[in-house]
Amino acid sequence: MSRVAVISAVLDEPERCQQEFNKILGGFKGIIKGRMGIPFDDEGVSVIAVTVVGDMDTINNLTGKLGKIPSVSVKTSVSKKEIRG
C-alpha cells in the first residue's frame, strides 16, 4: 500500500546543491505528483515542497538521499491513511 507525503526542503546554498537535488528527484519521478519551489534570491535560499505517493521504503529512501546533500535540510510529513497507489 502507498501513502501520500510531502517532502519539504530548504536549500541554504541552492547554487551549490540544486543540481544534485534535481538529479535525485529525477530518479524518483515515478512517485512525484507535484513540486513547488520558491527562490529567495536575495537571501541565497530556496524552499521546495515535493508531493509524492509511494510505499514508505521508497519515500524514506528519497528523503534520506536528499538529506545527505550538504546545505539541504529535509522534513517529511506522511499521511496516516494508506491508499492504493
N, C-alpha and C. Protein backbone atom coordinates (compact mmCIF):
# COMPACT_ATOMS: atom_id res chain seq x y z
N MET A 1 0.83 -1.18 0.00
CA MET A 1 0.00 0.00 0.00
C MET A 1 0.88 1.25 0.00
N SER A 2 0.33 2.31 -0.47
CA SER A 2 1.05 3.57 -0.60
C SER A 2 0.50 4.61 0.36
N ARG A 3 1.28 5.66 0.51
CA ARG A 3 0.86 6.81 1.32
C ARG A 3 1.19 8.09 0.56
N VAL A 4 0.44 9.13 0.89
CA VAL A 4 0.71 10.44 0.36
C VAL A 4 1.66 11.13 1.34
N ALA A 5 2.67 11.80 0.80
CA ALA A 5 3.62 12.51 1.67
C ALA A 5 4.05 13.81 1.01
N VAL A 6 4.47 14.74 1.85
CA VAL A 6 5.05 15.98 1.37
C VAL A 6 6.47 16.06 1.93
N ILE A 7 7.42 16.19 1.04
CA ILE A 7 8.82 16.34 1.43
C ILE A 7 9.15 17.82 1.28
N SER A 8 9.50 18.46 2.38
CA SER A 8 9.87 19.87 2.33
C SER A 8 11.39 19.97 2.50
N ALA A 9 11.97 20.86 1.71
CA ALA A 9 13.42 21.01 1.75
C ALA A 9 13.79 22.49 1.71
N VAL A 10 14.81 22.83 2.47
CA VAL A 10 15.39 24.16 2.44
C VAL A 10 16.81 24.01 1.93
N LEU A 11 17.10 24.67 0.82
CA LEU A 11 18.43 24.65 0.24
C LEU A 11 19.13 25.95 0.62
N ASP A 12 20.10 25.85 1.53
CA ASP A 12 20.77 27.05 2.03
C ASP A 12 21.73 27.67 1.02
N GLU A 13 22.23 26.86 0.11
CA GLU A 13 23.11 27.36 -0.95
C GLU A 13 22.67 26.71 -2.26
N PRO A 14 21.54 27.15 -2.81
CA PRO A 14 20.97 26.46 -3.96
C PRO A 14 21.91 26.38 -5.17
N GLU A 15 22.74 27.39 -5.35
CA GLU A 15 23.65 27.36 -6.50
C GLU A 15 24.65 26.21 -6.39
N ARG A 16 24.90 25.73 -5.19
CA ARG A 16 25.86 24.65 -4.98
C ARG A 16 25.21 23.27 -4.94
N CYS A 17 23.94 23.19 -4.57
CA CYS A 17 23.34 21.88 -4.33
C CYS A 17 22.12 21.57 -5.19
N GLN A 18 21.62 22.54 -5.93
CA GLN A 18 20.37 22.32 -6.67
C GLN A 18 20.50 21.26 -7.76
N GLN A 19 21.64 21.19 -8.42
CA GLN A 19 21.82 20.21 -9.48
C GLN A 19 21.74 18.78 -8.92
N GLU A 20 22.41 18.52 -7.82
CA GLU A 20 22.35 17.20 -7.20
C GLU A 20 20.94 16.91 -6.68
N PHE A 21 20.31 17.90 -6.09
CA PHE A 21 18.93 17.77 -5.59
C PHE A 21 18.01 17.35 -6.74
N ASN A 22 18.08 18.05 -7.86
CA ASN A 22 17.22 17.73 -9.00
C ASN A 22 17.54 16.37 -9.61
N LYS A 23 18.80 15.99 -9.60
CA LYS A 23 19.20 14.68 -10.13
C LYS A 23 18.57 13.56 -9.30
N ILE A 24 18.60 13.71 -7.99
CA ILE A 24 18.00 12.69 -7.12
C ILE A 24 16.49 12.63 -7.35
N LEU A 25 15.83 13.80 -7.42
CA LEU A 25 14.39 13.81 -7.69
C LEU A 25 14.08 13.11 -9.01
N GLY A 26 14.91 13.32 -10.02
CA GLY A 26 14.70 12.68 -11.31
C GLY A 26 14.70 11.15 -11.22
N GLY A 27 15.46 10.62 -10.29
CA GLY A 27 15.49 9.18 -10.10
C GLY A 27 14.24 8.62 -9.44
N PHE A 28 13.41 9.50 -8.90
CA PHE A 28 12.17 9.11 -8.22
C PHE A 28 10.95 9.69 -8.91
N LYS A 29 11.07 10.04 -10.19
CA LYS A 29 9.98 10.73 -10.89
C LYS A 29 8.69 9.91 -10.92
N GLY A 30 8.77 8.61 -10.77
CA GLY A 30 7.58 7.77 -10.78
C GLY A 30 6.65 7.98 -9.60
N ILE A 31 7.17 8.50 -8.49
CA ILE A 31 6.31 8.71 -7.31
C ILE A 31 5.97 10.18 -7.10
N ILE A 32 6.60 11.07 -7.84
CA ILE A 32 6.38 12.51 -7.66
C ILE A 32 5.11 12.95 -8.37
N LYS A 33 4.22 13.58 -7.62
CA LYS A 33 2.94 14.06 -8.16
C LYS A 33 2.91 15.56 -8.33
N GLY A 34 3.77 16.29 -7.63
CA GLY A 34 3.80 17.74 -7.75
C GLY A 34 5.01 18.31 -7.05
N ARG A 35 5.39 19.50 -7.49
CA ARG A 35 6.56 20.16 -6.90
C ARG A 35 6.34 21.67 -6.95
N MET A 36 6.71 22.32 -5.85
CA MET A 36 6.63 23.78 -5.79
C MET A 36 7.94 24.29 -5.22
N GLY A 37 8.53 25.25 -5.88
CA GLY A 37 9.77 25.84 -5.40
C GLY A 37 9.64 27.34 -5.29
N ILE A 38 10.19 27.88 -4.23
CA ILE A 38 10.18 29.33 -4.02
C ILE A 38 11.62 29.78 -3.79
N PRO A 39 12.19 30.52 -4.74
CA PRO A 39 13.55 31.01 -4.53
C PRO A 39 13.55 32.32 -3.74
N PHE A 40 14.44 32.42 -2.82
CA PHE A 40 14.69 33.66 -2.08
C PHE A 40 16.08 34.12 -2.53
N ASP A 41 16.13 34.70 -3.73
CA ASP A 41 17.41 35.04 -4.36
C ASP A 41 18.25 35.98 -3.51
N ASP A 42 17.64 36.99 -2.93
CA ASP A 42 18.40 37.96 -2.13
C ASP A 42 19.03 37.31 -0.91
N GLU A 43 18.37 36.28 -0.38
CA GLU A 43 18.87 35.60 0.82
C GLU A 43 19.75 34.40 0.49
N GLY A 44 19.77 33.97 -0.77
CA GLY A 44 20.56 32.81 -1.15
C GLY A 44 19.99 31.51 -0.63
N VAL A 45 18.65 31.41 -0.60
CA VAL A 45 17.95 30.24 -0.07
C VAL A 45 16.82 29.88 -1.02
N SER A 46 16.55 28.59 -1.16
CA SER A 46 15.37 28.12 -1.90
C SER A 46 14.58 27.16 -1.02
N VAL A 47 13.26 27.24 -1.13
CA VAL A 47 12.37 26.34 -0.39
C VAL A 47 11.62 25.52 -1.43
N ILE A 48 11.62 24.20 -1.24
CA ILE A 48 10.98 23.30 -2.20
C ILE A 48 10.08 22.34 -1.45
N ALA A 49 8.85 22.14 -1.99
CA ALA A 49 7.92 21.14 -1.45
C ALA A 49 7.61 20.15 -2.57
N VAL A 50 7.76 18.87 -2.29
CA VAL A 50 7.52 17.82 -3.28
C VAL A 50 6.45 16.89 -2.73
N THR A 51 5.36 16.72 -3.47
CA THR A 51 4.29 15.80 -3.07
C THR A 51 4.53 14.47 -3.77
N VAL A 52 4.52 13.39 -2.98
CA VAL A 52 4.78 12.06 -3.52
C VAL A 52 3.70 11.08 -3.08
N VAL A 53 3.55 10.02 -3.86
CA VAL A 53 2.69 8.89 -3.48
C VAL A 53 3.53 7.63 -3.71
N GLY A 54 3.76 6.89 -2.62
CA GLY A 54 4.57 5.69 -2.74
C GLY A 54 4.59 4.91 -1.46
N ASP A 55 5.29 3.77 -1.49
CA ASP A 55 5.42 2.97 -0.27
C ASP A 55 6.46 3.65 0.64
N MET A 56 6.41 3.33 1.91
CA MET A 56 7.25 4.01 2.88
C MET A 56 8.73 3.79 2.63
N ASP A 57 9.12 2.62 2.15
CA ASP A 57 10.53 2.39 1.87
C ASP A 57 11.05 3.35 0.81
N THR A 58 10.26 3.56 -0.23
CA THR A 58 10.67 4.45 -1.32
C THR A 58 10.69 5.91 -0.86
N ILE A 59 9.67 6.31 -0.11
CA ILE A 59 9.63 7.68 0.41
C ILE A 59 10.83 7.94 1.33
N ASN A 60 11.11 6.99 2.21
CA ASN A 60 12.24 7.14 3.12
C ASN A 60 13.57 7.15 2.38
N ASN A 61 13.68 6.34 1.33
CA ASN A 61 14.89 6.31 0.52
C ASN A 61 15.13 7.67 -0.12
N LEU A 62 14.09 8.25 -0.70
CA LEU A 62 14.21 9.57 -1.32
C LEU A 62 14.58 10.62 -0.29
N THR A 63 13.88 10.64 0.83
CA THR A 63 14.15 11.62 1.88
C THR A 63 15.58 11.49 2.39
N GLY A 64 16.03 10.27 2.58
CA GLY A 64 17.39 10.04 3.07
C GLY A 64 18.45 10.55 2.11
N LYS A 65 18.25 10.29 0.83
CA LYS A 65 19.22 10.76 -0.17
C LYS A 65 19.26 12.28 -0.23
N LEU A 66 18.10 12.91 -0.18
CA LEU A 66 18.06 14.38 -0.21
C LEU A 66 18.72 14.96 1.03
N GLY A 67 18.49 14.34 2.17
CA GLY A 67 19.03 14.84 3.43
C GLY A 67 20.54 14.72 3.54
N LYS A 68 21.16 13.89 2.72
CA LYS A 68 22.62 13.73 2.74
C LYS A 68 23.35 14.79 1.91
N ILE A 69 22.59 15.57 1.16
CA ILE A 69 23.22 16.61 0.35
C ILE A 69 23.63 17.76 1.28
N PRO A 70 24.89 18.19 1.21
CA PRO A 70 25.31 19.33 2.04
C PRO A 70 24.46 20.57 1.74
N SER A 71 24.15 21.33 2.74
CA SER A 71 23.37 22.57 2.67
C SER A 71 21.88 22.34 2.41
N VAL A 72 21.40 21.10 2.58
CA VAL A 72 19.98 20.79 2.39
C VAL A 72 19.41 20.27 3.70
N SER A 73 18.29 20.87 4.14
CA SER A 73 17.54 20.39 5.31
C SER A 73 16.22 19.84 4.81
N VAL A 74 15.85 18.64 5.28
CA VAL A 74 14.66 17.95 4.77
C VAL A 74 13.78 17.49 5.92
N LYS A 75 12.47 17.64 5.73
CA LYS A 75 11.47 17.09 6.64
C LYS A 75 10.37 16.48 5.80
N THR A 76 9.76 15.41 6.30
CA THR A 76 8.70 14.74 5.56
C THR A 76 7.47 14.58 6.44
N SER A 77 6.32 14.91 5.87
CA SER A 77 5.04 14.67 6.52
C SER A 77 4.31 13.60 5.73
N VAL A 78 3.84 12.57 6.42
CA VAL A 78 3.23 11.42 5.76
C VAL A 78 1.80 11.24 6.24
N SER A 79 0.90 10.98 5.30
CA SER A 79 -0.49 10.70 5.64
C SER A 79 -0.56 9.41 6.46
N LYS A 80 -1.44 9.38 7.43
CA LYS A 80 -1.66 8.16 8.21
C LYS A 80 -2.48 7.15 7.44
N LYS A 81 -3.19 7.63 6.44
CA LYS A 81 -4.09 6.77 5.66
C LYS A 81 -3.33 6.08 4.52
N GLU A 82 -3.50 4.77 4.42
CA GLU A 82 -2.92 4.03 3.30
C GLU A 82 -3.87 4.11 2.11
N ILE A 83 -3.28 4.23 0.91
CA ILE A 83 -4.08 4.31 -0.30
C ILE A 83 -3.54 3.32 -1.33
N ARG A 84 -4.30 3.08 -2.35
CA ARG A 84 -3.80 2.28 -3.47
C ARG A 84 -3.09 3.24 -4.41
N GLY A 85 -1.83 2.96 -4.66
CA GLY A 85 -1.08 3.92 -5.46
C GLY A 85 -0.39 3.36 -6.63
